[in-house]
Amino acid sequence: MASRLFTEKKVGGSVAVLFGLLSLYEASKLYSYSRHLLTGDHALPGMIGLLLVLFGISLYFERAEDERKVQFPSGKTRITLLLTISLIFLYCYLISWLGYTVSTLAVSIALVKMIGQYRWLFSILFGIIMTAVLYAIFIVLLKTPVPSGIFDI
């Protein structure tokens, strides 16, 4: 009986309802500062709280499914996952040393080649296009300050 009462879905649903009610309480405190129901500082916490309560209740009453055994990746998939994570950590280091543009270009080419398993020409072209689009959005349009590194582009 205790194992059916404390399943992961029921505990997760209860926690979601609890956080949803907390968010709704905060939204009700912020409502006095607004002029309309759907605009103001209370709207986002209220919407999130309402969704958390609804999804938490739906999790609590969802029927149990038969358990499936989880299989962790092995072989080439595991190596690709570990290399991807390592490359993202390397990117965090390279961005301060080489700068945003050069490190984003290098890492995007490597990720497209490694994850997508495309040819080098496609990976390089896609990396250049992706870096140019991100450069245009964040540096040109949004004027976001990014590290320039040793190349100072």
N, C-alpha and C. Protein backbone atom coordinates (compact mmCIF):
# COMPACT_ATOMS: atom_id res chain seq x y z
N MET A 1 0.81 -1.19 0.00
CA MET A 1 0.00 0.00 0.00
C MET A 1 0.87 1.27 0.00
N ALA A 2 1.94 1.25 0.80
CA ALA A 2 2.80 2.42 0.89
C ALA A 2 3.52 2.68 -0.43
N SER A 3 3.85 1.62 -1.16
CA SER A 3 4.55 1.83 -2.42
C SER A 3 3.65 2.44 -3.48
N ARG A 4 2.35 2.17 -3.44
CA ARG A 4 1.42 2.77 -4.40
C ARG A 4 1.07 4.19 -4.02
N LEU A 5 1.17 4.51 -2.72
CA LEU A 5 0.84 5.85 -2.26
C LEU A 5 1.96 6.84 -2.58
N PHE A 6 3.21 6.37 -2.53
CA PHE A 6 4.36 7.24 -2.73
C PHE A 6 5.09 6.92 -4.02
N THR A 7 4.39 6.91 -5.13
CA THR A 7 5.06 6.73 -6.41
C THR A 7 5.70 8.06 -6.83
N GLU A 8 6.63 7.97 -7.78
CA GLU A 8 7.31 9.20 -8.20
C GLU A 8 6.37 10.20 -8.84
N LYS A 9 5.35 9.73 -9.54
CA LYS A 9 4.40 10.65 -10.17
C LYS A 9 3.53 11.34 -9.14
N LYS A 10 3.12 10.63 -8.09
CA LYS A 10 2.28 11.25 -7.06
C LYS A 10 3.09 12.24 -6.21
N VAL A 11 4.32 11.88 -5.89
CA VAL A 11 5.16 12.80 -5.13
C VAL A 11 5.50 14.02 -5.99
N GLY A 12 5.85 13.81 -7.26
CA GLY A 12 6.13 14.93 -8.15
C GLY A 12 4.92 15.81 -8.37
N GLY A 13 3.74 15.19 -8.50
CA GLY A 13 2.51 15.96 -8.65
C GLY A 13 2.21 16.79 -7.42
N SER A 14 2.44 16.22 -6.24
CA SER A 14 2.20 16.95 -5.00
C SER A 14 3.16 18.13 -4.85
N VAL A 15 4.42 17.91 -5.22
CA VAL A 15 5.40 19.00 -5.15
C VAL A 15 5.05 20.09 -6.15
N ALA A 16 4.62 19.71 -7.35
CA ALA A 16 4.23 20.70 -8.36
C ALA A 16 3.03 21.52 -7.89
N VAL A 17 2.05 20.86 -7.26
CA VAL A 17 0.89 21.58 -6.75
C VAL A 17 1.32 22.53 -5.63
N LEU A 18 2.22 22.10 -4.77
CA LEU A 18 2.70 22.94 -3.68
C LEU A 18 3.39 24.19 -4.21
N PHE A 19 4.31 24.01 -5.19
CA PHE A 19 4.98 25.16 -5.78
C PHE A 19 4.01 26.03 -6.58
N GLY A 20 3.04 25.42 -7.21
CA GLY A 20 2.03 26.19 -7.93
C GLY A 20 1.20 27.06 -7.01
N LEU A 21 0.81 26.51 -5.87
CA LEU A 21 0.06 27.30 -4.90
C LEU A 21 0.90 28.43 -4.33
N LEU A 22 2.19 28.18 -4.10
CA LEU A 22 3.09 29.22 -3.64
C LEU A 22 3.22 30.33 -4.68
N SER A 23 3.30 29.95 -5.94
CA SER A 23 3.39 30.93 -7.01
C SER A 23 2.09 31.72 -7.15
N LEU A 24 0.96 31.06 -6.99
CA LEU A 24 -0.33 31.76 -7.03
C LEU A 24 -0.47 32.73 -5.86
N TYR A 25 0.04 32.35 -4.70
CA TYR A 25 0.00 33.25 -3.55
C TYR A 25 0.83 34.51 -3.81
N GLU A 26 2.03 34.32 -4.39
CA GLU A 26 2.87 35.48 -4.72
C GLU A 26 2.21 36.35 -5.79
N ALA A 27 1.54 35.73 -6.74
CA ALA A 27 0.85 36.49 -7.78
C ALA A 27 -0.30 37.29 -7.17
N SER A 28 -0.99 36.72 -6.18
CA SER A 28 -2.09 37.46 -5.55
C SER A 28 -1.56 38.65 -4.76
N LYS A 29 -0.35 38.55 -4.21
CA LYS A 29 0.23 39.69 -3.51
C LYS A 29 0.65 40.79 -4.49
N LEU A 30 1.07 40.40 -5.69
CA LEU A 30 1.50 41.38 -6.68
C LEU A 30 0.33 41.99 -7.46
N TYR A 31 -0.85 41.40 -7.37
CA TYR A 31 -1.99 41.87 -8.15
C TYR A 31 -2.39 43.29 -7.79
N SER A 32 -2.17 43.70 -6.57
CA SER A 32 -2.59 45.04 -6.15
C SER A 32 -1.81 46.14 -6.87
N TYR A 33 -0.67 45.80 -7.46
CA TYR A 33 0.14 46.79 -8.17
C TYR A 33 -0.23 46.90 -9.65
N SER A 34 -1.17 46.10 -10.11
CA SER A 34 -1.48 46.09 -11.54
C SER A 34 -2.76 46.85 -11.83
N ARG A 35 -2.97 47.10 -13.11
CA ARG A 35 -4.18 47.80 -13.53
C ARG A 35 -5.19 46.85 -14.16
N HIS A 36 -4.72 45.77 -14.74
CA HIS A 36 -5.59 44.81 -15.42
C HIS A 36 -5.25 43.40 -14.96
N LEU A 37 -6.13 42.49 -15.26
CA LEU A 37 -5.95 41.10 -14.83
C LEU A 37 -4.80 40.42 -15.57
N LEU A 38 -4.66 40.68 -16.86
CA LEU A 38 -3.68 39.96 -17.67
C LEU A 38 -2.36 40.69 -17.86
N THR A 39 -2.24 41.91 -17.33
CA THR A 39 -0.99 42.64 -17.46
C THR A 39 -0.49 43.04 -16.08
N GLY A 40 0.79 43.07 -15.94
CA GLY A 40 1.39 43.46 -14.67
C GLY A 40 2.38 42.42 -14.19
N ASP A 41 2.96 42.70 -13.04
CA ASP A 41 3.99 41.82 -12.49
C ASP A 41 3.43 40.49 -11.99
N HIS A 42 2.14 40.42 -11.81
CA HIS A 42 1.53 39.20 -11.28
C HIS A 42 1.19 38.18 -12.36
N ALA A 43 1.18 38.58 -13.62
CA ALA A 43 0.68 37.72 -14.70
C ALA A 43 1.53 36.46 -14.88
N LEU A 44 2.84 36.60 -14.94
CA LEU A 44 3.70 35.44 -15.16
C LEU A 44 3.69 34.46 -13.97
N PRO A 45 3.87 34.94 -12.73
CA PRO A 45 3.77 33.98 -11.62
C PRO A 45 2.39 33.35 -11.51
N GLY A 46 1.35 34.09 -11.86
CA GLY A 46 0.01 33.52 -11.81
C GLY A 46 -0.19 32.43 -12.85
N MET A 47 0.32 32.68 -14.07
CA MET A 47 0.19 31.68 -15.12
C MET A 47 1.01 30.43 -14.81
N ILE A 48 2.23 30.64 -14.33
CA ILE A 48 3.07 29.50 -13.97
C ILE A 48 2.45 28.72 -12.82
N GLY A 49 1.92 29.42 -11.83
CA GLY A 49 1.27 28.75 -10.70
C GLY A 49 0.07 27.94 -11.13
N LEU A 50 -0.75 28.51 -12.00
CA LEU A 50 -1.93 27.81 -12.49
C LEU A 50 -1.53 26.55 -13.27
N LEU A 51 -0.54 26.68 -14.14
CA LEU A 51 -0.08 25.52 -14.91
C LEU A 51 0.53 24.44 -14.01
N LEU A 52 1.30 24.86 -13.00
CA LEU A 52 1.88 23.89 -12.08
C LEU A 52 0.80 23.13 -11.31
N VAL A 53 -0.23 23.84 -10.88
CA VAL A 53 -1.32 23.17 -10.16
C VAL A 53 -2.04 22.19 -11.08
N LEU A 54 -2.35 22.62 -12.30
CA LEU A 54 -3.08 21.74 -13.23
C LEU A 54 -2.25 20.51 -13.61
N PHE A 55 -0.99 20.72 -13.95
CA PHE A 55 -0.15 19.58 -14.33
C PHE A 55 0.17 18.69 -13.13
N GLY A 56 0.29 19.28 -11.94
CA GLY A 56 0.52 18.49 -10.75
C GLY A 56 -0.67 17.59 -10.43
N ILE A 57 -1.87 18.13 -10.58
CA ILE A 57 -3.08 17.32 -10.35
C ILE A 57 -3.17 16.22 -11.39
N SER A 58 -2.85 16.55 -12.64
CA SER A 58 -2.92 15.52 -13.67
C SER A 58 -1.87 14.42 -13.44
N LEU A 59 -0.71 14.79 -12.91
CA LEU A 59 0.30 13.77 -12.58
C LEU A 59 -0.16 12.89 -11.43
N TYR A 60 -0.84 13.49 -10.48
CA TYR A 60 -1.26 12.74 -9.30
C TYR A 60 -2.28 11.67 -9.66
N PHE A 61 -3.17 11.98 -10.61
CA PHE A 61 -4.22 11.04 -10.95
C PHE A 61 -3.93 10.22 -12.20
N GLU A 62 -2.73 10.34 -12.76
CA GLU A 62 -2.38 9.57 -13.96
C GLU A 62 -2.22 8.10 -13.61
N ARG A 63 -2.66 7.26 -14.49
CA ARG A 63 -2.56 5.82 -14.25
C ARG A 63 -1.11 5.36 -14.33
N ALA A 64 -0.81 4.38 -13.51
CA ALA A 64 0.55 3.84 -13.48
C ALA A 64 0.78 2.94 -14.69
N GLU A 65 1.94 3.07 -15.28
CA GLU A 65 2.32 2.23 -16.40
C GLU A 65 3.28 1.15 -15.91
N ASP A 66 3.41 0.12 -16.69
CA ASP A 66 4.37 -0.91 -16.32
C ASP A 66 5.78 -0.33 -16.45
N GLU A 67 6.63 -0.69 -15.52
CA GLU A 67 7.97 -0.13 -15.49
C GLU A 67 8.81 -0.64 -16.64
N ARG A 68 9.58 0.26 -17.19
CA ARG A 68 10.50 -0.09 -18.26
C ARG A 68 11.91 0.05 -17.74
N LYS A 69 12.75 -0.86 -18.11
CA LYS A 69 14.13 -0.79 -17.67
C LYS A 69 14.88 0.25 -18.51
N VAL A 70 15.60 1.11 -17.82
CA VAL A 70 16.36 2.17 -18.48
C VAL A 70 17.66 1.59 -18.99
N GLN A 71 17.96 1.89 -20.25
CA GLN A 71 19.22 1.45 -20.83
C GLN A 71 20.10 2.66 -21.07
N PHE A 72 21.25 2.68 -20.44
CA PHE A 72 22.17 3.78 -20.63
C PHE A 72 22.91 3.59 -21.95
N PRO A 73 23.29 4.70 -22.58
CA PRO A 73 23.97 4.57 -23.87
C PRO A 73 25.32 3.87 -23.72
N SER A 74 25.67 3.18 -24.76
CA SER A 74 26.94 2.47 -24.74
C SER A 74 27.59 2.60 -26.12
N GLY A 75 28.84 2.25 -26.18
CA GLY A 75 29.54 2.25 -27.46
C GLY A 75 29.76 3.64 -28.02
N LYS A 76 29.46 3.78 -29.31
CA LYS A 76 29.69 5.04 -30.01
C LYS A 76 28.80 6.16 -29.50
N THR A 77 27.58 5.83 -29.09
CA THR A 77 26.67 6.85 -28.56
C THR A 77 27.23 7.45 -27.27
N ARG A 78 27.76 6.61 -26.40
CA ARG A 78 28.33 7.10 -25.15
C ARG A 78 29.53 8.00 -25.42
N ILE A 79 30.36 7.60 -26.35
CA ILE A 79 31.54 8.41 -26.67
C ILE A 79 31.12 9.76 -27.23
N THR A 80 30.11 9.77 -28.11
CA THR A 80 29.62 11.03 -28.67
C THR A 80 29.06 11.93 -27.58
N LEU A 81 28.30 11.37 -26.64
CA LEU A 81 27.77 12.17 -25.53
C LEU A 81 28.87 12.77 -24.68
N LEU A 82 29.86 11.96 -24.33
CA LEU A 82 30.96 12.45 -23.50
C LEU A 82 31.80 13.49 -24.23
N LEU A 83 32.03 13.29 -25.52
CA LEU A 83 32.77 14.28 -26.30
C LEU A 83 32.00 15.58 -26.44
N THR A 84 30.68 15.49 -26.59
CA THR A 84 29.86 16.70 -26.70
C THR A 84 29.91 17.50 -25.41
N ILE A 85 29.76 16.83 -24.27
CA ILE A 85 29.84 17.52 -22.99
C ILE A 85 31.22 18.13 -22.79
N SER A 86 32.26 17.40 -23.15
CA SER A 86 33.62 17.91 -23.02
C SER A 86 33.84 19.11 -23.92
N LEU A 87 33.28 19.07 -25.11
CA LEU A 87 33.42 20.19 -26.05
C LEU A 87 32.71 21.44 -25.54
N ILE A 88 31.58 21.28 -24.88
CA ILE A 88 30.87 22.43 -24.32
C ILE A 88 31.69 23.06 -23.18
N PHE A 89 32.30 22.22 -22.34
CA PHE A 89 33.16 22.76 -21.28
C PHE A 89 34.40 23.43 -21.87
N LEU A 90 34.94 22.86 -22.94
CA LEU A 90 36.07 23.48 -23.62
C LEU A 90 35.67 24.83 -24.22
N TYR A 91 34.46 24.93 -24.71
CA TYR A 91 33.94 26.18 -25.27
C TYR A 91 33.90 27.26 -24.19
N CYS A 92 33.52 26.89 -22.98
CA CYS A 92 33.49 27.86 -21.89
C CYS A 92 34.88 28.43 -21.63
N TYR A 93 35.90 27.64 -21.80
CA TYR A 93 37.27 28.11 -21.63
C TYR A 93 37.73 28.90 -22.86
N LEU A 94 37.45 28.39 -24.04
CA LEU A 94 37.93 29.02 -25.27
C LEU A 94 37.31 30.39 -25.51
N ILE A 95 36.10 30.61 -25.06
CA ILE A 95 35.42 31.87 -25.35
C ILE A 95 36.15 33.05 -24.71
N SER A 96 36.79 32.82 -23.57
CA SER A 96 37.54 33.92 -22.95
C SER A 96 38.94 34.05 -23.55
N TRP A 97 39.48 32.98 -24.09
CA TRP A 97 40.83 33.01 -24.63
C TRP A 97 40.85 33.42 -26.11
N LEU A 98 40.02 32.76 -26.93
CA LEU A 98 39.98 33.05 -28.36
C LEU A 98 38.95 34.10 -28.74
N GLY A 99 38.00 34.35 -27.88
CA GLY A 99 36.94 35.29 -28.19
C GLY A 99 35.69 34.56 -28.65
N TYR A 100 34.59 35.31 -28.67
CA TYR A 100 33.29 34.72 -28.99
C TYR A 100 33.23 34.19 -30.41
N THR A 101 33.64 34.98 -31.37
CA THR A 101 33.46 34.63 -32.78
C THR A 101 34.27 33.40 -33.17
N VAL A 102 35.53 33.39 -32.85
CA VAL A 102 36.40 32.29 -33.27
C VAL A 102 36.03 31.00 -32.54
N SER A 103 35.78 31.09 -31.24
CA SER A 103 35.45 29.88 -30.49
C SER A 103 34.08 29.34 -30.88
N THR A 104 33.12 30.22 -31.15
CA THR A 104 31.80 29.75 -31.60
C THR A 104 31.90 29.07 -32.96
N LEU A 105 32.71 29.61 -33.84
CA LEU A 105 32.91 28.99 -35.15
C LEU A 105 33.54 27.61 -35.01
N ALA A 106 34.59 27.51 -34.22
CA ALA A 106 35.29 26.22 -34.07
C ALA A 106 34.40 25.17 -33.40
N VAL A 107 33.71 25.54 -32.35
CA VAL A 107 32.89 24.58 -31.62
C VAL A 107 31.65 24.20 -32.43
N SER A 108 31.06 25.13 -33.15
CA SER A 108 29.88 24.78 -33.95
C SER A 108 30.26 23.82 -35.08
N ILE A 109 31.40 24.03 -35.71
CA ILE A 109 31.85 23.10 -36.75
C ILE A 109 32.07 21.71 -36.15
N ALA A 110 32.73 21.67 -34.99
CA ALA A 110 33.01 20.37 -34.36
C ALA A 110 31.73 19.67 -33.93
N LEU A 111 30.76 20.42 -33.39
CA LEU A 111 29.50 19.80 -32.96
C LEU A 111 28.68 19.28 -34.13
N VAL A 112 28.63 20.05 -35.21
CA VAL A 112 27.87 19.59 -36.38
C VAL A 112 28.53 18.35 -36.97
N LYS A 113 29.84 18.32 -37.01
CA LYS A 113 30.55 17.16 -37.54
C LYS A 113 30.37 15.94 -36.63
N MET A 114 30.47 16.16 -35.33
CA MET A 114 30.43 15.04 -34.38
C MET A 114 29.01 14.51 -34.19
N ILE A 115 28.05 15.37 -33.95
CA ILE A 115 26.68 14.91 -33.67
C ILE A 115 25.95 14.53 -34.95
N GLY A 116 26.04 15.40 -35.96
CA GLY A 116 25.32 15.15 -37.20
C GLY A 116 25.99 14.18 -38.13
N GLN A 117 27.29 13.96 -37.94
CA GLN A 117 28.08 13.08 -38.77
C GLN A 117 28.00 13.46 -40.25
N TYR A 118 28.05 14.78 -40.49
CA TYR A 118 28.05 15.28 -41.86
C TYR A 118 29.49 15.34 -42.37
N ARG A 119 29.63 15.61 -43.67
CA ARG A 119 30.96 15.79 -44.25
C ARG A 119 31.56 17.09 -43.74
N TRP A 120 32.88 17.19 -43.88
CA TRP A 120 33.57 18.36 -43.37
C TRP A 120 33.12 19.64 -44.08
N LEU A 121 32.88 19.57 -45.38
CA LEU A 121 32.48 20.77 -46.11
C LEU A 121 31.15 21.30 -45.60
N PHE A 122 30.17 20.42 -45.40
CA PHE A 122 28.87 20.85 -44.88
C PHE A 122 29.02 21.38 -43.46
N SER A 123 29.83 20.72 -42.64
CA SER A 123 30.01 21.15 -41.25
C SER A 123 30.64 22.54 -41.19
N ILE A 124 31.61 22.79 -42.05
CA ILE A 124 32.26 24.10 -42.08
C ILE A 124 31.29 25.17 -42.57
N LEU A 125 30.55 24.88 -43.65
CA LEU A 125 29.58 25.86 -44.16
C LEU A 125 28.49 26.15 -43.13
N PHE A 126 27.96 25.10 -42.50
CA PHE A 126 26.91 25.30 -41.51
C PHE A 126 27.44 26.05 -40.29
N GLY A 127 28.68 25.76 -39.88
CA GLY A 127 29.29 26.47 -38.76
C GLY A 127 29.48 27.94 -39.06
N ILE A 128 29.89 28.26 -40.29
CA ILE A 128 30.06 29.66 -40.69
C ILE A 128 28.71 30.38 -40.71
N ILE A 129 27.71 29.74 -41.27
CA ILE A 129 26.38 30.36 -41.32
C ILE A 129 25.82 30.56 -39.91
N MET A 130 25.95 29.55 -39.06
CA MET A 130 25.42 29.67 -37.71
C MET A 130 26.15 30.74 -36.91
N THR A 131 27.46 30.81 -37.05
CA THR A 131 28.22 31.84 -36.35
C THR A 131 27.86 33.23 -36.86
N ALA A 132 27.66 33.36 -38.17
CA ALA A 132 27.29 34.66 -38.73
C ALA A 132 25.90 35.09 -38.25
N VAL A 133 24.97 34.17 -38.19
CA VAL A 133 23.62 34.50 -37.73
C VAL A 133 23.64 34.90 -36.25
N LEU A 134 24.35 34.12 -35.43
CA LEU A 134 24.45 34.46 -34.01
C LEU A 134 25.17 35.78 -33.80
N TYR A 135 26.20 36.06 -34.61
CA TYR A 135 26.91 37.33 -34.55
C TYR A 135 25.96 38.48 -34.89
N ALA A 136 25.18 38.31 -35.95
CA ALA A 136 24.26 39.37 -36.35
C ALA A 136 23.19 39.62 -35.29
N ILE A 137 22.69 38.56 -34.68
CA ILE A 137 21.64 38.73 -33.68
C ILE A 137 22.18 39.36 -32.41
N PHE A 138 23.21 38.75 -31.83
CA PHE A 138 23.65 39.18 -30.51
C PHE A 138 24.57 40.39 -30.52
N ILE A 139 25.43 40.50 -31.50
CA ILE A 139 26.41 41.59 -31.47
C ILE A 139 25.91 42.80 -32.25
N VAL A 140 25.36 42.58 -33.44
CA VAL A 140 24.93 43.71 -34.25
C VAL A 140 23.58 44.24 -33.79
N LEU A 141 22.57 43.38 -33.70
CA LEU A 141 21.22 43.85 -33.36
C LEU A 141 21.04 44.16 -31.88
N LEU A 142 21.42 43.22 -31.02
CA LEU A 142 21.19 43.39 -29.58
C LEU A 142 22.33 44.11 -28.87
N LYS A 143 23.45 44.31 -29.57
CA LYS A 143 24.62 45.00 -29.03
C LYS A 143 25.06 44.40 -27.69
N THR A 144 25.12 43.08 -27.66
CA THR A 144 25.56 42.36 -26.47
C THR A 144 27.08 42.37 -26.41
N PRO A 145 27.65 42.78 -25.29
CA PRO A 145 29.11 42.72 -25.19
C PRO A 145 29.57 41.28 -25.03
N VAL A 146 30.49 40.86 -25.87
CA VAL A 146 31.02 39.49 -25.83
C VAL A 146 32.53 39.57 -25.73
N PRO A 147 33.16 38.54 -25.20
CA PRO A 147 34.63 38.53 -25.11
C PRO A 147 35.27 38.53 -26.49
N SER A 148 36.29 39.37 -26.66
CA SER A 148 36.95 39.44 -27.97
C SER A 148 38.18 38.56 -28.03
N GLY A 149 38.76 38.21 -26.92
CA GLY A 149 39.89 37.28 -26.91
C GLY A 149 41.14 37.88 -27.52
N ILE A 150 42.02 37.00 -27.97
CA ILE A 150 43.32 37.48 -28.49
C ILE A 150 43.20 38.03 -29.91
N PHE A 151 42.13 37.71 -30.62
CA PHE A 151 41.99 38.19 -31.99
C PHE A 151 41.35 39.57 -32.09
N ASP A 152 40.61 39.98 -31.07
CA ASP A 152 39.99 41.30 -30.99
C ASP A 152 39.24 41.68 -32.25
N ILE A 153 38.30 40.77 -32.65
CA ILE A 153 37.50 41.01 -33.86
C ILE A 153 36.32 41.90 -33.53
